[in-house]
Amino acid sequence: MTNGKLRYAGSVGAGFKMSDLRDLKALLDYLRVYKPVIPIKTNRKNLIYTKPAVYAEIQYRGWTVDKKLRHPSFKGLRDPGEI
């Protein structure tokens, strides 16, 4: 978050188990929207956007110069009551 607003910080492609992927896919399909809820600059195709309704715990090593996560790894979904 920057100045109280959500900000894109990169994507995570490591740390998932197959069971995590199945469960997460079903959840994200349910939360799908057709436009991003935050401004995002990308030339990537076939992106799927969702409502920001769940929290993931992500381990990372630092930040890049363009303010993206360095070496992010998925650790699991957090219980919203813990936040």
C-alpha atoms as a PDB file:
ATOM      1  CA  MET A   1       0.000   0.000   0.000  1.00  0.00           C
ATOM      2  CA  THR A   2       1.174   3.500  -0.797  1.00  0.00           C
ATOM      3  CA  ASN A   3      -0.574   6.515   0.705  1.00  0.00           C
ATOM      4  CA  GLY A   4      -3.496   4.308   1.749  1.00  0.00           C
ATOM      5  CA  LYS A   5      -3.987   2.870  -1.763  1.00  0.00           C
ATOM      6  CA  LEU A   6      -3.266  -0.591  -3.134  1.00  0.00           C
ATOM      7  CA  ARG A   7      -0.209  -0.754  -5.382  1.00  0.00           C
ATOM      8  CA  TYR A   8       0.977  -3.522  -7.718  1.00  0.00           C
ATOM      9  CA  ALA A   9       4.158  -5.112  -6.322  1.00  0.00           C
ATOM     10  CA  GLY A  10       4.788  -7.944  -8.778  1.00  0.00           C
ATOM     11  CA  SER A  11       3.680 -11.528  -9.185  1.00  0.00           C
ATOM     12  CA  VAL A  12       4.515 -14.723  -7.308  1.00  0.00           C
ATOM     13  CA  GLY A  13       5.353 -17.940  -9.108  1.00  0.00           C
ATOM     14  CA  ALA A  14       7.041 -20.074  -6.431  1.00  0.00           C
ATOM     15  CA  GLY A  15       6.011 -21.865  -3.261  1.00  0.00           C
ATOM     16  CA  PHE A  16       2.739 -23.391  -4.469  1.00  0.00           C
ATOM     17  CA  LYS A  17       1.725 -27.024  -3.885  1.00  0.00           C
ATOM     18  CA  MET A  18      -0.719 -28.627  -6.335  1.00  0.00           C
ATOM     19  CA  SER A  19      -3.461 -28.600  -3.688  1.00  0.00           C
ATOM     20  CA  ASP A  20      -2.805 -24.862  -3.115  1.00  0.00           C
ATOM     21  CA  LEU A  21      -3.134 -24.196  -6.833  1.00  0.00           C
ATOM     22  CA  ARG A  22      -6.448 -26.067  -7.147  1.00  0.00           C
ATOM     23  CA  ASP A  23      -7.977 -24.307  -4.130  1.00  0.00           C
ATOM     24  CA  LEU A  24      -6.630 -20.901  -5.122  1.00  0.00           C
ATOM     25  CA  LYS A  25      -7.842 -21.251  -8.715  1.00  0.00           C
ATOM     26  CA  ALA A  26     -11.393 -21.981  -7.553  1.00  0.00           C
ATOM     27  CA  LEU A  27     -11.329 -19.029  -5.148  1.00  0.00           C
ATOM     28  CA  LEU A  28      -9.877 -16.609  -7.702  1.00  0.00           C
ATOM     29  CA  ASP A  29     -12.368 -17.718 -10.370  1.00  0.00           C
ATOM     30  CA  TYR A  30     -15.126 -16.768  -7.920  1.00  0.00           C
ATOM     31  CA  LEU A  31     -13.516 -13.327  -7.305  1.00  0.00           C
ATOM     32  CA  ARG A  32     -12.824 -12.554 -10.985  1.00  0.00           C
ATOM     33  CA  VAL A  33     -13.417  -9.067 -12.372  1.00  0.00           C
ATOM     34  CA  TYR A  34     -12.780  -7.845 -15.903  1.00  0.00           C
ATOM     35  CA  LYS A  35     -10.790  -4.705 -15.176  1.00  0.00           C
ATOM     36  CA  PRO A  36      -7.974  -4.289 -12.646  1.00  0.00           C
ATOM     37  CA  VAL A  37      -8.963  -2.483  -9.450  1.00  0.00           C
ATOM     38  CA  ILE A  38      -5.618  -0.637  -9.424  1.00  0.00           C
ATOM     39  CA  PRO A  39      -3.682   0.942 -12.292  1.00  0.00           C
ATOM     40  CA  ILE A  40      -1.238  -1.570 -13.752  1.00  0.00           C
ATOM     41  CA  LYS A  41       1.277  -1.061 -16.542  1.00  0.00           C
ATOM     42  CA  THR A  42       1.969  -4.287 -18.370  1.00  0.00           C
ATOM     43  CA  ASN A  43       2.160  -5.623 -21.880  1.00  0.00           C
ATOM     44  CA  ARG A  44       1.405  -9.180 -20.729  1.00  0.00           C
ATOM     45  CA  LYS A  45      -1.552 -10.936 -22.313  1.00  0.00           C
ATOM     46  CA  ASN A  46      -4.154 -13.234 -20.737  1.00  0.00           C
ATOM     47  CA  LEU A  47      -4.018 -11.677 -17.279  1.00  0.00           C
ATOM     48  CA  ILE A  48      -6.928 -12.429 -14.960  1.00  0.00           C
ATOM     49  CA  TYR A  49      -7.953  -9.790 -12.431  1.00  0.00           C
ATOM     50  CA  THR A  50      -9.751 -10.374  -9.130  1.00  0.00           C
ATOM     51  CA  LYS A  51     -11.269  -8.379  -6.310  1.00  0.00           C
ATOM     52  CA  PRO A  52      -8.709  -7.806  -3.522  1.00  0.00           C
ATOM     53  CA  ALA A  53     -10.641  -9.942  -1.022  1.00  0.00           C
ATOM     54  CA  VAL A  54      -8.057 -12.423   0.317  1.00  0.00           C
ATOM     55  CA  TYR A  55      -4.648 -12.014   1.910  1.00  0.00           C
ATOM     56  CA  ALA A  56      -1.638 -14.102   0.962  1.00  0.00           C
ATOM     57  CA  GLU A  57       1.485 -14.423   3.031  1.00  0.00           C
ATOM     58  CA  ILE A  58       4.466 -13.874   0.735  1.00  0.00           C
ATOM     59  CA  GLN A  59       8.114 -14.253   1.696  1.00  0.00           C
ATOM     60  CA  TYR A  60      10.522 -12.106  -0.293  1.00  0.00           C
ATOM     61  CA  ARG A  61      14.183 -11.050  -0.164  1.00  0.00           C
ATOM     62  CA  GLY A  62      13.789  -7.335  -0.797  1.00  0.00           C
ATOM     63  CA  TRP A  63      12.595  -4.763  -3.283  1.00  0.00           C
ATOM     64  CA  THR A  64      13.813  -4.014  -6.803  1.00  0.00           C
ATOM     65  CA  VAL A  65      14.633  -0.473  -7.936  1.00  0.00           C
ATOM     66  CA  ASP A  66      11.195  -0.289  -9.623  1.00  0.00           C
ATOM     67  CA  LYS A  67       9.473  -1.202  -6.300  1.00  0.00           C
ATOM     68  CA  LYS A  68       8.585  -4.820  -7.092  1.00  0.00           C
ATOM     69  CA  LEU A  69       9.148  -7.807  -4.782  1.00  0.00           C
ATOM     70  CA  ARG A  70      12.491  -9.601  -5.205  1.00  0.00           C
ATOM     71  CA  HIS A  71      12.284 -13.439  -5.209  1.00  0.00           C
ATOM     72  CA  PRO A  72       8.695 -13.700  -3.877  1.00  0.00           C
ATOM     73  CA  SER A  73       7.451 -17.089  -2.635  1.00  0.00           C
ATOM     74  CA  PHE A  74       3.887 -18.041  -1.642  1.00  0.00           C
ATOM     75  CA  LYS A  75       3.543 -19.247   1.979  1.00  0.00           C
ATOM     76  CA  GLY A  76      -0.233 -19.533   2.223  1.00  0.00           C
ATOM     77  CA  LEU A  77      -3.476 -17.636   2.608  1.00  0.00           C
ATOM     78  CA  ARG A  78      -4.011 -15.737   5.844  1.00  0.00           C
ATOM     79  CA  ASP A  79      -7.130 -15.747   7.952  1.00  0.00           C
ATOM     80  CA  PRO A  80      -8.649 -12.236   7.629  1.00  0.00           C
ATOM     81  CA  GLY A  81      -9.245 -12.303  11.396  1.00  0.00           C
ATOM     82  CA  GLU A  82      -5.459 -12.335  11.957  1.00  0.00           C
ATOM     83  CA  ILE A  83      -4.850  -9.096  10.082  1.00  0.00           C
END
